[in-house]
Amino acid sequence: MRNEKREPRAEPTREPPEERFREPPGEPLGEGPGEPSGLPDYAERVLDVAELIPAGRVMTYGDVAEWLGEGGPRQVGRAMALYGGAVPWWRVVRSDGVLLPGHELSALAHYREEGTPLREAARSAEGHLPRLDMKRARWDGAGPGADGTAHI
């Protein structure tokens, strides 16, 4: 087998970068029906949930997706990354309580201002940044939200 003549490998074909980052068919960014604000419908619903989370409380990306009954943590994260700057983005978090990479200090300032429960970081932790205390900070959507409603 080792002495057999091998066929040359074909070069892998790659999509141009603009093709790889296109929105999936069916919901192009800001072009869906009934979207006068320019936001995709799903993103608008994600942002609505983020605005309902009370100060001092958080929901995970997965919690938001579950509450909406569609999508998953990655879709919620994408909506927050693209459109979440105008809402309390620091209240939609990773399930492990780690602060959003690249925005740790800004998020930490918001958490301290709102009294969000935190767990002190271990001395061995990189940067010694605290984590969210998910047992105490997590909001399940029950009880009064920003407008007293529990579900969209």
Foldseek 3Di string as FASTA:
>chain_A
DVPDDDDDDDDDDDDPPVVVPFDDPPWGQQPDPPRPVRHTPVLVQLLVVLQFAAQLAAAELQLSCVLVVHDGSVVSVVSCVVPVPVGLSLRYHHPVQDGDPPCQVVSVVSNVVRVHAWAFADPPDVPRRIGGPNVPRYDNQPAGTPHGHSGD
